[in-house]
C-alpha atoms as a PDB file:
ATOM      1  CA  MET A   1       0.000   0.000   0.000  1.00  0.00           C
ATOM      2  CA  SER A   2       1.169   3.511  -0.747  1.00  0.00           C
ATOM      3  CA  ALA A   3       2.262   5.915   1.935  1.00  0.00           C
ATOM      4  CA  SER A   4      -0.795   8.080   1.169  1.00  0.00           C
ATOM      5  CA  ALA A   5      -3.053   5.572   2.873  1.00  0.00           C
ATOM      6  CA  ARG A   6      -2.950   6.374   6.588  1.00  0.00           C
ATOM      7  CA  ALA A   7      -6.097   4.549   7.707  1.00  0.00           C
ATOM      8  CA  ILE A   8      -7.928   1.374   6.715  1.00  0.00           C
ATOM      9  CA  LEU A   9     -11.535   0.686   7.662  1.00  0.00           C
ATOM     10  CA  PHE A  10     -12.999  -2.817   7.488  1.00  0.00           C
ATOM     11  CA  ASP A  11     -16.462  -4.253   7.295  1.00  0.00           C
ATOM     12  CA  PHE A  12     -17.015  -7.154   9.719  1.00  0.00           C
ATOM     13  CA  GLY A  13     -19.509  -9.775   8.503  1.00  0.00           C
ATOM     14  CA  GLY A  14     -18.506 -11.314   5.177  1.00  0.00           C
ATOM     15  CA  THR A  15     -15.144  -9.523   5.296  1.00  0.00           C
ATOM     16  CA  LEU A  16     -13.232 -10.277   8.478  1.00  0.00           C
ATOM     17  CA  ASP A  17     -15.053 -13.568   9.142  1.00  0.00           C
ATOM     18  CA  ALA A  18     -15.222 -14.828   5.548  1.00  0.00           C
ATOM     19  CA  ASP A  19     -13.568 -14.072   2.227  1.00  0.00           C
ATOM     20  CA  GLY A  20     -16.374 -12.052   0.700  1.00  0.00           C
ATOM     21  CA  VAL A  21     -19.317 -14.376   1.413  1.00  0.00           C
ATOM     22  CA  PRO A  22     -22.203 -12.765   3.357  1.00  0.00           C
ATOM     23  CA  TRP A  23     -23.803 -14.430   6.374  1.00  0.00           C
ATOM     24  CA  LYS A  24     -27.023 -15.084   4.442  1.00  0.00           C
ATOM     25  CA  GLU A  25     -25.273 -17.077   1.744  1.00  0.00           C
ATOM     26  CA  ARG A  26     -23.181 -19.035   4.221  1.00  0.00           C
ATOM     27  CA  PHE A  27     -26.204 -20.018   6.306  1.00  0.00           C
ATOM     28  CA  PHE A  28     -28.163 -21.000   3.190  1.00  0.00           C
ATOM     29  CA  ARG A  29     -25.309 -23.211   1.980  1.00  0.00           C
ATOM     30  CA  LEU A  30     -25.137 -24.926   5.375  1.00  0.00           C
ATOM     31  CA  PHE A  31     -28.867 -25.631   5.215  1.00  0.00           C
ATOM     32  CA  GLY A  32     -28.227 -27.616   2.046  1.00  0.00           C
ATOM     33  CA  GLU A  33     -25.210 -29.412   3.468  1.00  0.00           C
ATOM     34  CA  GLU A  34     -27.169 -30.418   6.573  1.00  0.00           C
ATOM     35  CA  GLY A  35     -30.104 -31.658   4.487  1.00  0.00           C
ATOM     36  CA  VAL A  36     -32.580 -29.008   5.613  1.00  0.00           C
ATOM     37  CA  PRO A  37     -34.949 -28.474   2.667  1.00  0.00           C
ATOM     38  CA  VAL A  38     -35.872 -24.821   2.261  1.00  0.00           C
ATOM     39  CA  SER A  39     -36.291 -22.648  -0.801  1.00  0.00           C
ATOM     40  CA  ARG A  40     -34.439 -19.373  -1.093  1.00  0.00           C
ATOM     41  CA  GLU A  41     -37.815 -17.628  -1.250  1.00  0.00           C
ATOM     42  CA  ARG A  42     -38.670 -18.907   2.231  1.00  0.00           C
ATOM     43  CA  PHE A  43     -35.166 -18.648   3.621  1.00  0.00           C
ATOM     44  CA  GLU A  44     -34.352 -15.033   2.872  1.00  0.00           C
ATOM     45  CA  PRO A  45     -37.199 -13.320   4.774  1.00  0.00           C
ATOM     46  CA  ALA A  46     -36.674 -15.725   7.690  1.00  0.00           C
ATOM     47  CA  PHE A  47     -32.973 -14.889   7.777  1.00  0.00           C
ATOM     48  CA  TYR A  48     -33.543 -11.146   7.714  1.00  0.00           C
ATOM     49  CA  GLY A  49     -36.174 -11.446  10.419  1.00  0.00           C
ATOM     50  CA  ALA A  50     -33.904 -13.551  12.634  1.00  0.00           C
ATOM     51  CA  CYS A  51     -31.132 -10.960  12.313  1.00  0.00           C
ATOM     52  CA  ASP A  52     -33.137  -7.747  12.453  1.00  0.00           C
ATOM     53  CA  CYS A  53     -34.844  -8.652  15.709  1.00  0.00           C
ATOM     54  CA  LEU A  54     -31.452  -8.821  17.451  1.00  0.00           C
ATOM     55  CA  GLU A  55     -30.605  -5.168  16.828  1.00  0.00           C
ATOM     56  CA  GLY A  56     -30.565  -3.546  20.235  1.00  0.00           C
ATOM     57  CA  THR A  57     -32.023  -6.599  21.978  1.00  0.00           C
ATOM     58  CA  ILE A  58     -28.943  -8.789  22.312  1.00  0.00           C
ATOM     59  CA  GLY A  59     -26.738  -7.765  25.222  1.00  0.00           C
ATOM     60  CA  GLN A  60     -23.761  -5.555  24.463  1.00  0.00           C
ATOM     61  CA  ASP A  61     -21.535  -8.132  26.182  1.00  0.00           C
ATOM     62  CA  ALA A  62     -22.804 -11.030  24.058  1.00  0.00           C
ATOM     63  CA  GLY A  63     -20.071 -12.983  22.316  1.00  0.00           C
ATOM     64  CA  PHE A  64     -19.855 -14.293  18.786  1.00  0.00           C
ATOM     65  CA  ARG A  65     -21.168 -17.787  19.489  1.00  0.00           C
ATOM     66  CA  GLU A  66     -24.165 -16.408  21.357  1.00  0.00           C
ATOM     67  CA  LEU A  67     -24.943 -14.080  18.461  1.00  0.00           C
ATOM     68  CA  VAL A  68     -24.756 -16.858  15.874  1.00  0.00           C
ATOM     69  CA  GLY A  69     -26.807 -19.139  18.115  1.00  0.00           C
ATOM     70  CA  ARG A  70     -29.527 -16.524  18.355  1.00  0.00           C
ATOM     71  CA  VAL A  71     -29.645 -16.198  14.571  1.00  0.00           C
ATOM     72  CA  ALA A  72     -29.863 -19.988  14.218  1.00  0.00           C
ATOM     73  CA  SER A  73     -32.653 -20.296  16.791  1.00  0.00           C
ATOM     74  CA  GLY A  74     -34.517 -17.455  15.105  1.00  0.00           C
ATOM     75  CA  LEU A  75     -34.310 -19.303  11.806  1.00  0.00           C
ATOM     76  CA  ALA A  76     -35.600 -22.502  13.422  1.00  0.00           C
ATOM     77  CA  GLU A  77     -38.584 -20.634  14.829  1.00  0.00           C
ATOM     78  CA  ARG A  78     -39.448 -18.795  11.623  1.00  0.00           C
ATOM     79  CA  LEU A  79     -39.022 -21.805   9.343  1.00  0.00           C
ATOM     80  CA  GLY A  80     -40.546 -24.380  11.679  1.00  0.00           C
ATOM     81  CA  GLU A  81     -37.397 -26.482  11.611  1.00  0.00           C
ATOM     82  CA  ASP A  82     -35.874 -28.739  14.266  1.00  0.00           C
ATOM     83  CA  PRO A  83     -33.960 -26.494  16.715  1.00  0.00           C
ATOM     84  CA  GLU A  84     -31.282 -29.163  17.172  1.00  0.00           C
ATOM     85  CA  ARG A  85     -30.527 -29.236  13.436  1.00  0.00           C
ATOM     86  CA  LEU A  86     -30.309 -25.457  13.406  1.00  0.00           C
ATOM     87  CA  ARG A  87     -28.013 -25.570  16.437  1.00  0.00           C
ATOM     88  CA  ARG A  88     -25.635 -27.794  14.446  1.00  0.00           C
ATOM     89  CA  ILE A  89     -25.767 -25.360  11.551  1.00  0.00           C
ATOM     90  CA  GLY A  90     -25.022 -22.482  13.905  1.00  0.00           C
ATOM     91  CA  ASP A  91     -22.116 -24.375  15.444  1.00  0.00           C
ATOM     92  CA  ARG A  92     -20.602 -25.045  12.024  1.00  0.00           C
ATOM     93  CA  PHE A  93     -21.057 -21.415  11.021  1.00  0.00           C
ATOM     94  CA  ALA A  94     -19.409 -20.200  14.218  1.00  0.00           C
ATOM     95  CA  GLU A  95     -16.459 -22.596  13.987  1.00  0.00           C
ATOM     96  CA  ASP A  96     -15.687 -21.578  10.414  1.00  0.00           C
ATOM     97  CA  SER A  97     -16.077 -17.890  11.240  1.00  0.00           C
ATOM     98  CA  LEU A  98     -13.846 -18.054  14.300  1.00  0.00           C
ATOM     99  CA  ALA A  99     -11.094 -19.736  12.302  1.00  0.00           C
ATOM    100  CA  ARG A 100     -11.252 -16.933   9.718  1.00  0.00           C
ATOM    101  CA  LEU A 101     -11.377 -14.292  12.438  1.00  0.00           C
ATOM    102  CA  SER A 102      -8.208 -15.694  13.957  1.00  0.00           C
ATOM    103  CA  GLU A 103      -6.469 -15.257  10.601  1.00  0.00           C
ATOM    104  CA  SER A 104      -7.901 -11.749  10.286  1.00  0.00           C
ATOM    105  CA  ALA A 105      -6.674 -10.836  13.767  1.00  0.00           C
ATOM    106  CA  ALA A 106      -3.145 -11.790  12.730  1.00  0.00           C
ATOM    107  CA  LEU A 107      -3.471  -9.775   9.513  1.00  0.00           C
ATOM    108  CA  LEU A 108      -4.747  -6.675  11.318  1.00  0.00           C
ATOM    109  CA  SER A 109      -1.966  -6.985  13.868  1.00  0.00           C
ATOM    110  CA  ARG A 110       0.579  -6.727  11.056  1.00  0.00           C
ATOM    111  CA  LEU A 111      -1.263  -3.890   9.337  1.00  0.00           C
ATOM    112  CA  SER A 112      -1.590  -1.937  12.579  1.00  0.00           C
ATOM    113  CA  GLU A 113       2.167  -1.390  12.555  1.00  0.00           C
ATOM    114  CA  ARG A 114       1.713   0.867   9.507  1.00  0.00           C
ATOM    115  CA  TYR A 115      -1.900   2.059   9.481  1.00  0.00           C
ATOM    116  CA  ARG A 116      -4.636   3.291  11.765  1.00  0.00           C
ATOM    117  CA  LEU A 117      -7.343   0.628  11.654  1.00  0.00           C
ATOM    118  CA  GLY A 118     -11.050   0.600  12.379  1.00  0.00           C
ATOM    119  CA  ILE A 119     -14.139  -1.528  11.840  1.00  0.00           C
ATOM    120  CA  VAL A 120     -17.478  -0.183  10.585  1.00  0.00           C
ATOM    121  CA  SER A 121     -20.346  -2.648  10.645  1.00  0.00           C
ATOM    122  CA  ASN A 122     -24.114  -2.853  10.431  1.00  0.00           C
ATOM    123  CA  PHE A 123     -24.229  -4.856  13.648  1.00  0.00           C
ATOM    124  CA  TYR A 124     -26.383  -5.634  16.675  1.00  0.00           C
ATOM    125  CA  GLY A 125     -24.975  -3.619  19.582  1.00  0.00           C
ATOM    126  CA  ASN A 126     -22.263  -6.070  20.631  1.00  0.00           C
ATOM    127  CA  LEU A 127     -19.536  -5.409  18.055  1.00  0.00           C
ATOM    128  CA  GLY A 128     -17.084  -4.193  20.703  1.00  0.00           C
ATOM    129  CA  SER A 129     -17.513  -7.346  22.741  1.00  0.00           C
ATOM    130  CA  VAL A 130     -17.074  -9.555  19.686  1.00  0.00           C
ATOM    131  CA  CYS A 131     -13.904  -7.711  18.653  1.00  0.00           C
ATOM    132  CA  ARG A 132     -12.420  -8.239  22.104  1.00  0.00           C
ATOM    133  CA  GLU A 133     -13.399 -11.907  22.104  1.00  0.00           C
ATOM    134  CA  VAL A 134     -11.864 -12.762  18.731  1.00  0.00           C
ATOM    135  CA  GLY A 135      -8.633 -10.820  19.181  1.00  0.00           C
ATOM    136  CA  LEU A 136      -9.283  -7.888  16.848  1.00  0.00           C
ATOM    137  CA  ALA A 137      -9.499  -5.218  19.545  1.00  0.00           C
ATOM    138  CA  PRO A 138      -5.748  -4.738  20.197  1.00  0.00           C
ATOM    139  CA  SER A 139      -5.151  -3.770  16.565  1.00  0.00           C
ATOM    140  CA  ILE A 140      -7.978  -1.317  15.967  1.00  0.00           C
ATOM    141  CA  GLY A 141      -8.581   2.235  17.086  1.00  0.00           C
ATOM    142  CA  VAL A 142     -12.359   2.125  16.780  1.00  0.00           C
ATOM    143  CA  ALA A 143     -15.261  -0.302  16.225  1.00  0.00           C
ATOM    144  CA  ILE A 144     -18.383   1.478  14.975  1.00  0.00           C
ATOM    145  CA  ASP A 145     -21.590  -0.507  15.533  1.00  0.00           C
ATOM    146  CA  SER A 146     -24.646   0.732  13.637  1.00  0.00           C
ATOM    147  CA  THR A 147     -26.999  -0.126  16.496  1.00  0.00           C
ATOM    148  CA  ILE A 148     -24.941   1.930  18.937  1.00  0.00           C
ATOM    149  CA  ILE A 149     -24.414   4.916  16.671  1.00  0.00           C
ATOM    150  CA  GLY A 150     -27.942   4.965  15.248  1.00  0.00           C
ATOM    151  CA  CYS A 151     -27.244   4.811  11.507  1.00  0.00           C
ATOM    152  CA  LYS A 152     -26.246   2.156   8.994  1.00  0.00           C
ATOM    153  CA  LYS A 153     -24.016   1.850   5.989  1.00  0.00           C
ATOM    154  CA  PRO A 154     -24.135   3.346   3.403  1.00  0.00           C
ATOM    155  CA  ASP A 155     -25.048   6.428   5.482  1.00  0.00           C
ATOM    156  CA  ALA A 156     -22.049   8.768   5.419  1.00  0.00           C
ATOM    157  CA  ARG A 157     -22.347   9.438   9.156  1.00  0.00           C
ATOM    158  CA  ILE A 158     -21.229   5.947  10.156  1.00  0.00           C
ATOM    159  CA  PHE A 159     -18.062   6.217   8.049  1.00  0.00           C
ATOM    160  CA  ARG A 160     -17.344   9.730   9.324  1.00  0.00           C
ATOM    161  CA  ALA A 161     -17.638   8.563  12.921  1.00  0.00           C
ATOM    162  CA  ALA A 162     -14.863   6.031  12.319  1.00  0.00           C
ATOM    163  CA  LEU A 163     -12.661   8.497  10.478  1.00  0.00           C
ATOM    164  CA  ASP A 164     -13.083  11.114  13.200  1.00  0.00           C
ATOM    165  CA  ALA A 165     -12.149   8.580  15.869  1.00  0.00           C
ATOM    166  CA  LEU A 166      -8.981   7.724  13.951  1.00  0.00           C
ATOM    167  CA  GLY A 167      -8.117  11.338  13.203  1.00  0.00           C
ATOM    168  CA  ALA A 168      -8.281  10.683   9.463  1.00  0.00           C
ATOM    169  CA  VAL A 169     -10.016  12.223   6.456  1.00  0.00           C
ATOM    170  CA  PRO A 170     -11.604  10.358   3.522  1.00  0.00           C
ATOM    171  CA  ASP A 171      -8.865  10.931   0.968  1.00  0.00           C
ATOM    172  CA  GLU A 172      -6.243   9.313   3.189  1.00  0.00           C
ATOM    173  CA  ALA A 173      -8.384   6.293   4.094  1.00  0.00           C
ATOM    174  CA  VAL A 174      -9.357   3.037   2.405  1.00  0.00           C
ATOM    175  CA  PHE A 175     -12.478   0.966   3.069  1.00  0.00           C
ATOM    176  CA  VAL A 176     -12.411  -2.820   2.662  1.00  0.00           C
ATOM    177  CA  GLY A 177     -15.700  -4.702   2.392  1.00  0.00           C
ATOM    178  CA  ASP A 178     -17.778  -7.246   0.503  1.00  0.00           C
ATOM    179  CA  SER A 179     -21.007  -5.338  -0.186  1.00  0.00           C
ATOM    180  CA  PRO A 180     -21.216  -3.095  -3.274  1.00  0.00           C
ATOM    181  CA  SER A 181     -24.393  -1.396  -2.064  1.00  0.00           C
ATOM    182  CA  ARG A 182     -23.323  -0.751   1.534  1.00  0.00           C
ATOM    183  CA  ASP A 183     -19.532  -0.745   1.668  1.00  0.00           C
ATOM    184  CA  MET A 184     -18.423   0.404  -1.770  1.00  0.00           C
ATOM    185  CA  ALA A 185     -21.255   2.893  -2.330  1.00  0.00           C
ATOM    186  CA  GLY A 186     -20.857   4.390   1.137  1.00  0.00           C
ATOM    187  CA  ALA A 187     -17.115   4.859   0.758  1.00  0.00           C
ATOM    188  CA  ARG A 188     -17.466   6.251  -2.753  1.00  0.00           C
ATOM    189  CA  ALA A 189     -19.973   8.865  -1.599  1.00  0.00           C
ATOM    190  CA  LEU A 190     -17.375  10.187   0.850  1.00  0.00           C
ATOM    191  CA  GLY A 191     -14.556  10.149  -1.679  1.00  0.00           C
ATOM    192  CA  MET A 192     -12.852   7.288   0.140  1.00  0.00           C
ATOM    193  CA  ARG A 193     -10.943   4.688  -1.815  1.00  0.00           C
ATOM    194  CA  HIS A 194     -12.405   1.228  -1.527  1.00  0.00           C
ATOM    195  CA  VAL A 195     -11.331  -2.379  -1.952  1.00  0.00           C
ATOM    196  CA  TRP A 196     -13.980  -4.918  -2.905  1.00  0.00           C
ATOM    197  CA  LEU A 197     -13.520  -8.367  -1.348  1.00  0.00           C
ATOM    198  CA  ARG A 198     -15.171 -10.692  -3.842  1.00  0.00           C
ATOM    199  CA  PRO A 199     -14.811 -14.466  -4.196  1.00  0.00           C
ATOM    200  CA  GLY A 200     -12.785 -15.098  -7.317  1.00  0.00           C
ATOM    201  CA  GLY A 201     -11.607 -11.495  -7.454  1.00  0.00           C
ATOM    202  CA  ALA A 202     -13.277 -10.741 -10.809  1.00  0.00           C
ATOM    203  CA  PRO A 203     -13.579  -6.973 -11.410  1.00  0.00           C
ATOM    204  CA  GLU A 204     -16.913  -7.133 -13.261  1.00  0.00           C
ATOM    205  CA  GLY A 205     -19.548  -5.156 -11.395  1.00  0.00           C
ATOM    206  CA  ALA A 206     -17.118  -2.911  -9.523  1.00  0.00           C
ATOM    207  CA  CYS A 207     -18.680   0.469  -8.840  1.00  0.00           C
ATOM    208  CA  CYS A 208     -15.664   2.455 -10.075  1.00  0.00           C
ATOM    209  CA  PRO A 209     -13.290   1.644 -12.978  1.00  0.00           C
ATOM    210  CA  GLU A 210     -10.233   2.036 -10.747  1.00  0.00           C
ATOM    211  CA  ASP A 211     -11.538  -0.169  -7.928  1.00  0.00           C
ATOM    212  CA  VAL A 212      -9.204  -2.736  -6.447  1.00  0.00           C
ATOM    213  CA  VAL A 213     -10.840  -6.179  -6.238  1.00  0.00           C
ATOM    214  CA  ILE A 214      -9.333  -8.968  -4.133  1.00  0.00           C
ATOM    215  CA  ALA A 215     -10.359 -12.604  -3.774  1.00  0.00           C
ATOM    216  CA  ARG A 216      -9.038 -13.116  -0.247  1.00  0.00           C
ATOM    217  CA  LEU A 217      -8.564 -10.694   2.621  1.00  0.00           C
ATOM    218  CA  ALA A 218      -4.950 -11.834   2.912  1.00  0.00           C
ATOM    219  CA  ASP A 219      -4.350 -10.374  -0.569  1.00  0.00           C
ATOM    220  CA  LEU A 220      -4.689  -6.898   0.932  1.00  0.00           C
ATOM    221  CA  GLU A 221      -1.039  -6.948   2.014  1.00  0.00           C
ATOM    222  CA  ARG A 222       0.020  -7.311  -1.627  1.00  0.00           C
ATOM    223  CA  VAL A 223      -2.205  -4.569  -3.045  1.00  0.00           C
ATOM    224  CA  ALA A 224      -0.797  -1.220  -4.160  1.00  0.00           C
ATOM    225  CA  LEU A 225      -3.258   1.644  -3.726  1.00  0.00           C
END
């Protein structure tokens, strides 16, 4: 990365806990692998309902496994599925995520030697607790949780809150995320450079011609911005 980049902001879900695959897609894939028959048309509203109801209702000290377990139990309730099968799905989701988060913690530790780091996430009120639990907290200067701050990506205010906390301005910061509509669009609106984490790393669909697209979060260390 060039010396002009002083700060890097990261999305959380689908970025730090997976290489560009959102929670919804990962849960849906696990449904198939565990033999739980559900159409995407039924699954998607159930997933959004199971997640949305946690905003501001899950304790701020709740850890990652508790959060994932609550999503899984919410899916079981909304889809009328066996809670034990959904518990297994939640356990698999959490184990895979925690392994990725461990790798991300090591990456952010290395990056923190050169950059000011922060996390900006549409989350549930417990992002700070999760960051401490999974080892991200020592490397970051701020974790902005949409439920705590009262606005969500792509709202410019949530990005500005992170930049202000890091003492940075948009043109010296880079945002790394997996969502074109929330992460890339929000950063672009502020004039912040952005890196799209996309499985396969294909540039088609990037919001800006000069966008950097990476297939794995680990590739960020080899990117020149």
